[in-house]
Amino acid sequence: MVTVLLLIVIYLSFISLGLPDALLGSAWPSMYATLHVPLGYAGFIFMLIAGCAALSSIFSVRIIRRFGTGIVTAVSVFMTAAALIGFSLSGSFVYLCLCALPLGLGSGSIDAALNNYVALHYKARHMNWLHCFWGIGASLGPVIMSSFLLRDNAWGEGYRAVGILQLCLALLLFLSLPLWRKNKPAENPARHTHIEFKKLLHIPGVTEALIAFFCYCAVETIIGLWGASFLVIIKGIPPEIAAQWIAFFYIGITAGRFLTGFITIKINNRLMIRLGQAMIGGGIIILILPLESTAALPGLCMLGLGCAPILPALLHETPVNFGERNSQAIIGLSMGSFYIGTTVLPPLFGWLASLTGFALFPIFVGIALLIKIVLVEALNRKVQAGKNGNMLYPRE
């Protein structure tokens, strides 16, 4: 019973992780004018959030080993709540940048801690459903923001509403701390053994895995941050409608992860990743073709459905590929790589789009997808070679 209750708490924690993720992209077409900054400045805020998330993910193994997954998760959600309320009170771009720091630090810790916990203790379907709950949060964010944008462009009130929701979830997490203590036997200290990062990087396949996470982030985060701007500038869709349409990208991720939770009972993670990549390719083609602007909506849904299985499958394979002893450190590095990509790629795209135009959007995402496909297949080959006895370092 304790294990089931704890799983519910973990699911709710991922709602809190998803809630802030799509807010900036949805609100920015309305925010940048009131803040009197260029359109491309969203990339700098996103870069600060992602950079702090990368740091907290990379060093999460040490923090979790000292304080435990439950406390780290509760404190991290509280940090994100405080940051979002800070966003709501901001009247300047500089203040937004300051609030971005605790938002990123909190998000990275939640991500690394809970992904590893579920990868170790639950089946693949639970990893998909965990990220499905992230999708619920990420889908609710633009819907909430859009409702406030329709009322006198009140993006600050939208941030405040989400911040209050985060505070409620943080309170629930603090109340649930006894569940983590009762479930202590599952928190095996041996799984948090300190391992030097240099040694981890010499394990065959780890480098490919980290770069694959880096490239995947380009697909997901650039769509989430710049998708609404692409719809407004290239497809001629009003900003408030574009914010609603971006929600369908996250709804696609959410619905896809709910469904793949059942599909993984019959299909392994590698095949799910390949199917997801094919679906993303189809969505990119729809956005590139000179179709009616309304065709962008099913294209966004396809992109969301394609993204759905990839991140959960890559994460759940980590203990299988590299061993339980290494999993927390490698998942921390993987999420760190994801967030480093989020730090670098959105502002890079924003800069390139300012030079060449937002028609570059689907092409940039497509190139990132192709690189990721190559790297994932290389990872699979190296892991298979390791299972045949050619690993430089044993997985256990």
Protein backbone atom coordinates (compact mmCIF):
# COMPACT_ATOMS: atom_id res chain seq x y z
CA MET A 1 0.00 0.00 0.00
CA VAL A 2 2.85 2.38 0.86
CA THR A 3 4.47 1.67 -2.52
CA VAL A 4 1.23 2.51 -4.37
CA LEU A 5 0.70 5.74 -2.41
CA LEU A 6 4.31 6.72 -3.06
CA LEU A 7 3.87 6.11 -6.79
CA ILE A 8 0.83 8.44 -6.78
CA VAL A 9 2.91 11.12 -5.04
CA ILE A 10 5.66 10.67 -7.66
CA TYR A 11 3.11 11.07 -10.45
CA LEU A 12 1.80 14.29 -8.90
CA SER A 13 5.38 15.54 -8.58
CA PHE A 14 5.79 15.23 -12.33
CA ILE A 15 2.67 17.32 -12.88
CA SER A 16 4.46 20.04 -10.93
CA LEU A 17 7.55 19.52 -13.10
CA GLY A 18 5.54 19.96 -16.28
CA LEU A 19 3.42 22.96 -15.26
CA PRO A 20 6.09 25.65 -15.78
CA ASP A 21 7.74 24.12 -18.86
CA ALA A 22 5.41 25.48 -21.55
CA LEU A 23 4.48 28.78 -19.89
CA LEU A 24 7.27 30.91 -21.33
CA GLY A 25 6.78 29.73 -24.92
CA SER A 26 3.02 30.27 -24.68
CA ALA A 27 3.20 33.71 -23.07
CA TRP A 28 6.27 35.14 -24.83
CA PRO A 29 4.53 36.44 -28.00
CA SER A 30 2.57 38.68 -25.62
CA MET A 31 5.30 39.22 -22.97
CA TYR A 32 8.14 40.61 -25.06
CA ALA A 33 6.20 43.70 -26.17
CA THR A 34 5.21 44.66 -22.62
CA LEU A 35 8.80 44.10 -21.43
CA HIS A 36 10.17 46.17 -24.36
CA VAL A 37 12.72 43.56 -25.44
CA PRO A 38 13.33 41.77 -28.78
CA LEU A 39 11.46 38.57 -29.60
CA GLY A 40 14.64 36.47 -29.43
CA TYR A 41 15.25 37.32 -25.75
CA ALA A 42 13.09 34.38 -24.68
CA GLY A 43 16.10 32.23 -25.48
CA PHE A 44 18.16 33.93 -22.75
CA ILE A 45 15.57 33.23 -20.06
CA PHE A 46 15.23 29.68 -21.25
CA MET A 47 19.03 29.39 -21.26
CA LEU A 48 19.25 30.43 -17.59
CA ILE A 49 16.52 27.99 -16.55
CA ALA A 50 18.13 25.15 -18.47
CA GLY A 51 21.67 25.95 -17.33
CA CYS A 52 20.66 25.82 -13.66
CA ALA A 53 18.66 22.63 -14.31
CA ALA A 54 21.75 21.08 -15.91
CA LEU A 55 23.89 21.87 -12.86
CA SER A 56 21.38 20.44 -10.39
CA SER A 57 20.89 17.32 -12.55
CA ILE A 58 24.62 16.62 -12.87
CA PHE A 59 25.25 16.96 -9.14
CA SER A 60 21.96 15.39 -8.07
CA VAL A 61 23.56 12.06 -7.14
CA ARG A 62 25.44 13.73 -4.27
CA ILE A 63 22.43 15.71 -3.04
CA ILE A 64 20.12 12.68 -3.15
CA ARG A 65 22.68 10.51 -1.38
CA ARG A 66 22.78 13.02 1.47
CA PHE A 67 19.13 14.07 1.84
CA GLY A 68 17.06 11.37 0.10
CA THR A 69 14.72 11.52 -2.88
CA GLY A 70 11.65 12.67 -0.89
CA ILE A 71 13.19 15.76 0.70
CA VAL A 72 14.98 16.77 -2.51
CA THR A 73 11.69 16.54 -4.46
CA ALA A 74 9.63 18.52 -1.92
CA VAL A 75 12.17 21.33 -1.58
CA SER A 76 12.64 21.50 -5.35
CA VAL A 77 8.91 21.90 -6.02
CA PHE A 78 8.76 24.68 -3.42
CA MET A 79 11.65 26.44 -5.21
CA THR A 80 9.80 26.31 -8.54
CA ALA A 81 6.65 27.68 -6.89
CA ALA A 82 8.53 30.63 -5.42
CA ALA A 83 10.18 31.31 -8.80
CA LEU A 84 6.86 31.32 -10.68
CA ILE A 85 5.31 33.75 -8.21
CA GLY A 86 8.42 35.87 -8.73
CA PHE A 87 7.76 35.78 -12.50
CA SER A 88 4.21 37.02 -11.86
CA LEU A 89 5.50 40.06 -9.95
CA SER A 90 8.15 40.96 -12.50
CA GLY A 91 7.98 44.09 -14.56
CA SER A 92 11.44 43.84 -16.10
CA PHE A 93 13.48 41.41 -18.12
CA VAL A 94 16.35 41.43 -15.58
CA TYR A 95 14.01 40.38 -12.76
CA LEU A 96 12.70 37.54 -14.92
CA CYS A 97 16.28 36.34 -15.39
CA LEU A 98 16.85 36.32 -11.61
CA CYS A 99 13.67 34.29 -11.02
CA ALA A 100 14.78 31.84 -13.70
CA LEU A 101 17.65 30.63 -11.49
CA PRO A 102 15.63 28.87 -8.72
CA LEU A 103 13.16 27.64 -11.34
CA GLY A 104 15.94 25.79 -13.15
CA LEU A 105 17.65 24.48 -10.01
CA GLY A 106 14.39 23.03 -8.72
CA SER A 107 13.36 21.47 -12.03
CA GLY A 108 16.68 19.70 -12.59
CA SER A 109 16.68 18.07 -9.15
CA ILE A 110 13.12 16.77 -9.53
CA ASP A 111 13.89 15.34 -12.96
CA ALA A 112 17.04 13.44 -12.04
CA ALA A 113 15.79 12.15 -8.67
CA LEU A 114 12.42 10.79 -9.77
CA ASN A 115 13.52 9.43 -13.16
CA ASN A 116 16.16 7.26 -11.52
CA TYR A 117 13.84 6.16 -8.70
CA VAL A 118 11.20 4.96 -11.16
CA ALA A 119 13.77 3.39 -13.52
CA LEU A 120 15.10 1.30 -10.64
CA HIS A 121 11.90 0.36 -8.83
CA TYR A 122 9.09 0.25 -11.42
CA LYS A 123 8.39 -1.28 -14.83
CA ALA A 124 8.67 0.56 -18.17
CA ARG A 125 4.94 1.35 -18.24
CA HIS A 126 5.30 3.39 -15.05
CA MET A 127 8.11 5.43 -16.60
CA ASN A 128 5.81 6.27 -19.52
CA TRP A 129 2.94 7.12 -17.20
CA LEU A 130 5.28 9.21 -15.05
CA HIS A 131 6.13 11.33 -18.08
CA CYS A 132 2.46 11.28 -19.06
CA PHE A 133 1.81 13.19 -15.84
CA TRP A 134 4.56 15.62 -16.85
CA GLY A 135 2.57 16.06 -20.06
CA ILE A 136 -0.59 16.78 -18.06
CA GLY A 137 1.24 19.59 -16.29
CA ALA A 138 2.82 20.86 -19.51
CA SER A 139 -0.59 20.80 -21.26
CA LEU A 140 -2.34 22.62 -18.41
CA GLY A 141 0.28 25.38 -18.39
CA PRO A 142 -0.55 26.86 -21.83
CA VAL A 143 -4.31 26.42 -21.23
CA ILE A 144 -4.09 28.37 -17.98
CA MET A 145 -1.88 31.02 -19.56
CA SER A 146 -4.13 31.34 -22.61
CA SER A 147 -7.18 31.98 -20.40
CA PHE A 148 -5.37 34.91 -18.77
CA LEU A 149 -3.98 36.23 -22.06
CA LEU A 150 -7.56 36.51 -23.32
CA ARG A 151 -8.26 38.79 -20.33
CA ASP A 152 -6.31 41.98 -21.04
CA ASN A 153 -3.04 40.18 -21.85
CA ALA A 154 -2.56 39.33 -18.13
CA TRP A 155 0.44 37.00 -18.42
CA GLY A 156 1.55 37.89 -14.89
CA GLU A 157 -1.71 36.55 -13.46
CA GLY A 158 -1.19 33.37 -15.46
CA TYR A 159 2.20 32.82 -13.84
CA ARG A 160 0.71 33.57 -10.42
CA ALA A 161 -2.05 30.99 -10.86
CA VAL A 162 0.47 28.29 -11.78
CA GLY A 163 2.72 29.32 -8.88
CA ILE A 164 -0.14 28.84 -6.42
CA LEU A 165 -0.80 25.38 -7.84
CA GLN A 166 2.88 24.58 -7.33
CA LEU A 167 2.69 25.70 -3.70
CA CYS A 168 -0.21 23.32 -3.11
CA LEU A 169 1.77 20.45 -4.63
CA ALA A 170 4.82 21.34 -2.54
CA LEU A 171 2.70 21.19 0.63
CA LEU A 172 1.41 17.75 -0.40
CA LEU A 173 4.99 16.56 -0.95
CA PHE A 174 6.12 17.73 2.48
CA LEU A 175 3.14 15.92 4.03
CA SER A 176 4.11 12.75 2.13
CA LEU A 177 7.67 12.55 3.50
CA PRO A 178 6.72 9.71 5.93
CA LEU A 179 5.90 7.56 2.87
CA TRP A 180 9.49 7.85 1.66
CA ARG A 181 10.79 6.87 5.09
CA LYS A 182 8.47 3.85 5.25
CA ASN A 183 9.64 2.79 1.81
CA LYS A 184 13.29 3.19 2.83
CA PRO A 185 14.36 -0.41 2.00
CA ALA A 186 13.82 0.34 -1.70
CA GLU A 187 16.24 3.29 -1.45
CA ASN A 188 19.34 1.09 -1.66
CA PRO A 189 22.43 3.17 -0.73
CA ALA A 190 24.59 1.02 -3.00
CA ARG A 191 22.70 2.48 -5.93
CA HIS A 192 24.01 5.93 -5.05
CA THR A 193 27.69 4.96 -4.83
CA HIS A 194 29.92 7.85 -5.83
CA ILE A 195 31.51 7.25 -9.23
CA GLU A 196 33.88 9.62 -10.97
CA PHE A 197 32.36 11.29 -14.01
CA LYS A 198 35.48 10.60 -16.09
CA LYS A 199 35.12 6.88 -15.46
CA LEU A 200 31.46 6.97 -16.44
CA LEU A 201 32.28 8.67 -19.74
CA HIS A 202 34.64 5.81 -20.63
CA ILE A 203 31.82 3.24 -20.47
CA PRO A 204 30.97 2.33 -24.10
CA GLY A 205 27.71 3.94 -25.18
CA VAL A 206 27.55 6.63 -22.49
CA THR A 207 28.85 9.39 -24.77
CA GLU A 208 26.34 8.45 -27.48
CA ALA A 209 23.54 8.39 -24.89
CA LEU A 210 24.43 11.85 -23.57
CA ILE A 211 24.56 13.40 -27.05
CA ALA A 212 21.26 11.69 -27.95
CA PHE A 213 19.63 13.35 -24.94
CA PHE A 214 21.19 16.66 -26.07
CA CYS A 215 19.65 16.30 -29.54
CA TYR A 216 16.27 15.11 -28.29
CA CYS A 217 15.98 18.26 -26.20
CA ALA A 218 16.25 20.31 -29.40
CA VAL A 219 13.12 18.65 -30.73
CA GLU A 220 11.02 19.00 -27.59
CA THR A 221 12.15 22.34 -26.20
CA ILE A 222 12.42 24.26 -29.47
CA ILE A 223 8.89 23.21 -30.39
CA GLY A 224 7.68 24.19 -26.93
CA LEU A 225 9.48 27.56 -26.83
CA TRP A 226 9.36 28.72 -30.45
CA GLY A 227 6.38 26.81 -31.82
CA ALA A 228 3.88 29.55 -30.95
CA SER A 229 6.12 32.19 -32.56
CA PHE A 230 6.39 30.01 -35.71
CA LEU A 231 2.60 29.74 -35.85
CA VAL A 232 2.16 33.50 -35.44
CA ILE A 233 4.90 34.66 -37.82
CA ILE A 234 4.85 31.98 -40.55
CA LYS A 235 1.31 30.58 -40.38
CA GLY A 236 -0.45 33.87 -39.52
CA ILE A 237 -2.27 32.52 -36.46
CA PRO A 238 -3.28 35.02 -33.68
CA PRO A 239 -1.08 34.80 -30.53
CA GLU A 240 -3.87 33.68 -28.19
CA ILE A 241 -4.84 30.89 -30.62
CA ALA A 242 -1.19 29.89 -31.10
CA ALA A 243 -0.86 29.49 -27.32
CA GLN A 244 -3.84 27.14 -27.35
CA TRP A 245 -2.45 25.15 -30.30
CA ILE A 246 0.91 24.61 -28.60
CA ALA A 247 -1.06 22.95 -25.82
CA PHE A 248 -1.99 20.26 -28.38
CA PHE A 249 1.70 19.42 -28.78
CA TYR A 250 1.83 18.68 -25.06
CA ILE A 251 -1.53 16.94 -25.17
CA GLY A 252 -0.03 14.69 -27.88
CA ILE A 253 2.90 13.91 -25.58
CA THR A 254 0.54 13.23 -22.68
CA ALA A 255 -1.86 10.99 -24.60
CA GLY A 256 1.03 9.21 -26.30
CA ARG A 257 2.73 8.39 -23.00
CA PHE A 258 -0.51 7.13 -21.52
CA LEU A 259 -0.97 4.79 -24.49
CA THR A 260 2.66 3.69 -24.69
CA GLY A 261 2.46 2.72 -21.02
CA PHE A 262 0.24 -0.14 -22.21
CA ILE A 263 2.10 -0.74 -25.48
CA THR A 264 5.43 -1.29 -23.68
CA ILE A 265 3.94 -4.43 -22.16
CA LYS A 266 4.32 -5.96 -25.65
CA ILE A 267 6.94 -3.76 -27.36
CA ASN A 268 10.43 -3.06 -26.06
CA ASN A 269 11.92 0.37 -25.46
CA ARG A 270 14.13 0.36 -28.55
CA LEU A 271 11.24 -0.21 -30.93
CA MET A 272 9.17 2.45 -29.15
CA ILE A 273 11.99 4.96 -29.70
CA ARG A 274 12.13 4.13 -33.42
CA LEU A 275 8.35 4.47 -33.83
CA GLY A 276 8.42 7.80 -32.04
CA GLN A 277 11.18 9.10 -34.30
CA ALA A 278 9.17 8.14 -37.39
CA MET A 279 6.12 9.99 -36.04
CA ILE A 280 8.18 13.13 -35.39
CA GLY A 281 9.46 12.96 -38.96
CA GLY A 282 5.88 12.93 -40.24
CA GLY A 283 4.97 15.97 -38.15
CA ILE A 284 7.98 17.90 -39.43
CA ILE A 285 7.01 17.17 -43.04
CA ILE A 286 3.49 18.55 -42.42
CA LEU A 287 4.93 21.80 -41.04
CA ILE A 288 7.32 22.17 -44.00
CA LEU A 289 4.72 21.59 -46.72
CA PRO A 290 2.85 24.71 -47.97
CA LEU A 291 -0.52 23.61 -46.58
CA GLU A 292 -3.35 25.62 -45.03
CA SER A 293 -2.47 27.08 -41.64
CA THR A 294 -4.95 24.73 -39.99
CA ALA A 295 -2.76 21.77 -41.05
CA ALA A 296 -0.23 22.91 -38.44
CA LEU A 297 -2.52 21.62 -35.68
CA PRO A 298 -2.39 17.92 -36.68
CA GLY A 299 1.32 18.41 -37.36
CA LEU A 300 1.83 19.56 -33.77
CA CYS A 301 -0.20 16.61 -32.51
CA MET A 302 2.01 14.22 -34.50
CA LEU A 303 5.12 15.84 -33.07
CA GLY A 304 3.76 15.39 -29.56
CA LEU A 305 2.81 11.75 -30.17
CA GLY A 306 6.27 11.11 -31.60
CA CYS A 307 8.05 12.69 -28.64
CA ALA A 308 5.90 10.70 -26.21
CA PRO A 309 7.86 7.42 -25.91
CA ILE A 310 11.41 8.64 -26.54
CA LEU A 311 12.51 10.23 -23.27
CA PRO A 312 10.86 7.64 -20.97
CA ALA A 313 12.31 4.78 -23.03
CA LEU A 314 15.83 6.22 -23.05
CA LEU A 315 15.70 6.78 -19.29
CA HIS A 316 14.23 3.38 -18.46
CA GLU A 317 16.93 1.65 -20.49
CA THR A 318 19.71 3.31 -18.47
CA PRO A 319 19.94 0.69 -15.67
CA VAL A 320 19.67 -2.05 -18.30
CA ASN A 321 22.39 -0.56 -20.49
CA PHE A 322 24.82 0.57 -17.80
CA GLY A 323 23.85 -1.16 -14.54
CA GLU A 324 21.99 -0.10 -11.39
CA ARG A 325 25.21 0.96 -9.67
CA ASN A 326 25.83 3.57 -12.36
CA SER A 327 22.22 4.52 -13.12
CA GLN A 328 21.71 7.54 -10.80
CA ALA A 329 24.95 9.16 -11.93
CA ILE A 330 24.32 8.44 -15.63
CA ILE A 331 20.68 9.59 -15.45
CA GLY A 332 21.91 12.74 -13.72
CA LEU A 333 24.43 13.26 -16.53
CA SER A 334 21.76 12.44 -19.14
CA MET A 335 19.31 15.00 -17.78
CA GLY A 336 22.23 17.40 -17.43
CA SER A 337 23.00 16.89 -21.12
CA PHE A 338 19.32 17.42 -21.91
CA TYR A 339 19.33 20.71 -20.03
CA ILE A 340 22.66 21.80 -21.52
CA GLY A 341 21.04 21.33 -24.91
CA THR A 342 18.11 23.37 -23.65
CA THR A 343 20.58 26.03 -22.55
CA VAL A 344 22.37 26.24 -25.89
CA LEU A 345 19.94 25.30 -28.64
CA PRO A 346 16.87 27.55 -28.09
CA PRO A 347 18.91 30.79 -28.04
CA LEU A 348 20.96 29.47 -30.98
CA PHE A 349 17.76 28.87 -32.92
CA GLY A 350 16.41 32.28 -31.88
CA TRP A 351 19.58 33.93 -33.19
CA LEU A 352 19.50 31.97 -36.46
CA ALA A 353 15.79 32.65 -36.94
CA SER A 354 16.39 36.39 -36.44
CA LEU A 355 18.83 36.21 -39.37
CA THR A 356 17.04 33.79 -41.70
CA GLY A 357 13.40 33.87 -40.58
CA PHE A 358 11.18 31.45 -38.66
CA ALA A 359 10.70 29.24 -41.71
CA LEU A 360 13.89 27.60 -40.41
CA PHE A 361 11.92 26.12 -37.48
CA PRO A 362 10.93 22.68 -38.90
CA ILE A 363 14.27 22.28 -40.72
CA PHE A 364 16.28 22.89 -37.54
CA VAL A 365 14.14 20.36 -35.62
CA GLY A 366 14.53 17.84 -38.45
CA ILE A 367 18.33 18.07 -38.43
CA ALA A 368 18.40 17.49 -34.67
CA LEU A 369 16.15 14.45 -35.13
CA LEU A 370 18.42 12.90 -37.78
CA ILE A 371 21.52 13.28 -35.59
CA LYS A 372 19.67 11.70 -32.68
CA ILE A 373 18.61 8.71 -34.77
CA VAL A 374 22.23 8.03 -35.77
CA LEU A 375 23.44 8.26 -32.16
CA VAL A 376 20.73 6.03 -30.70
CA GLU A 377 21.54 3.30 -33.20
CA ALA A 378 25.25 3.63 -32.34
CA LEU A 379 24.37 3.34 -28.64
CA ASN A 380 22.38 0.17 -29.29
CA ARG A 381 25.27 -1.41 -31.18
CA LYS A 382 27.75 -0.65 -28.39
CA VAL A 383 25.45 -1.94 -25.67
CA GLN A 384 24.90 -5.14 -27.63
CA ALA A 385 28.65 -5.52 -28.03
CA GLY A 386 28.98 -5.11 -24.26
CA LYS A 387 26.48 -7.88 -23.66
CA ASN A 388 28.63 -10.07 -25.86
CA GLY A 389 31.51 -9.53 -23.43
CA ASN A 390 33.28 -6.51 -24.91
CA MET A 391 32.50 -3.89 -22.22
CA LEU A 392 35.49 -1.91 -20.99
CA TYR A 393 33.80 -1.59 -17.58
CA PRO A 394 31.33 -4.09 -16.12
CA ARG A 395 27.80 -2.82 -15.66
CA GLU A 396 27.77 -4.04 -12.05
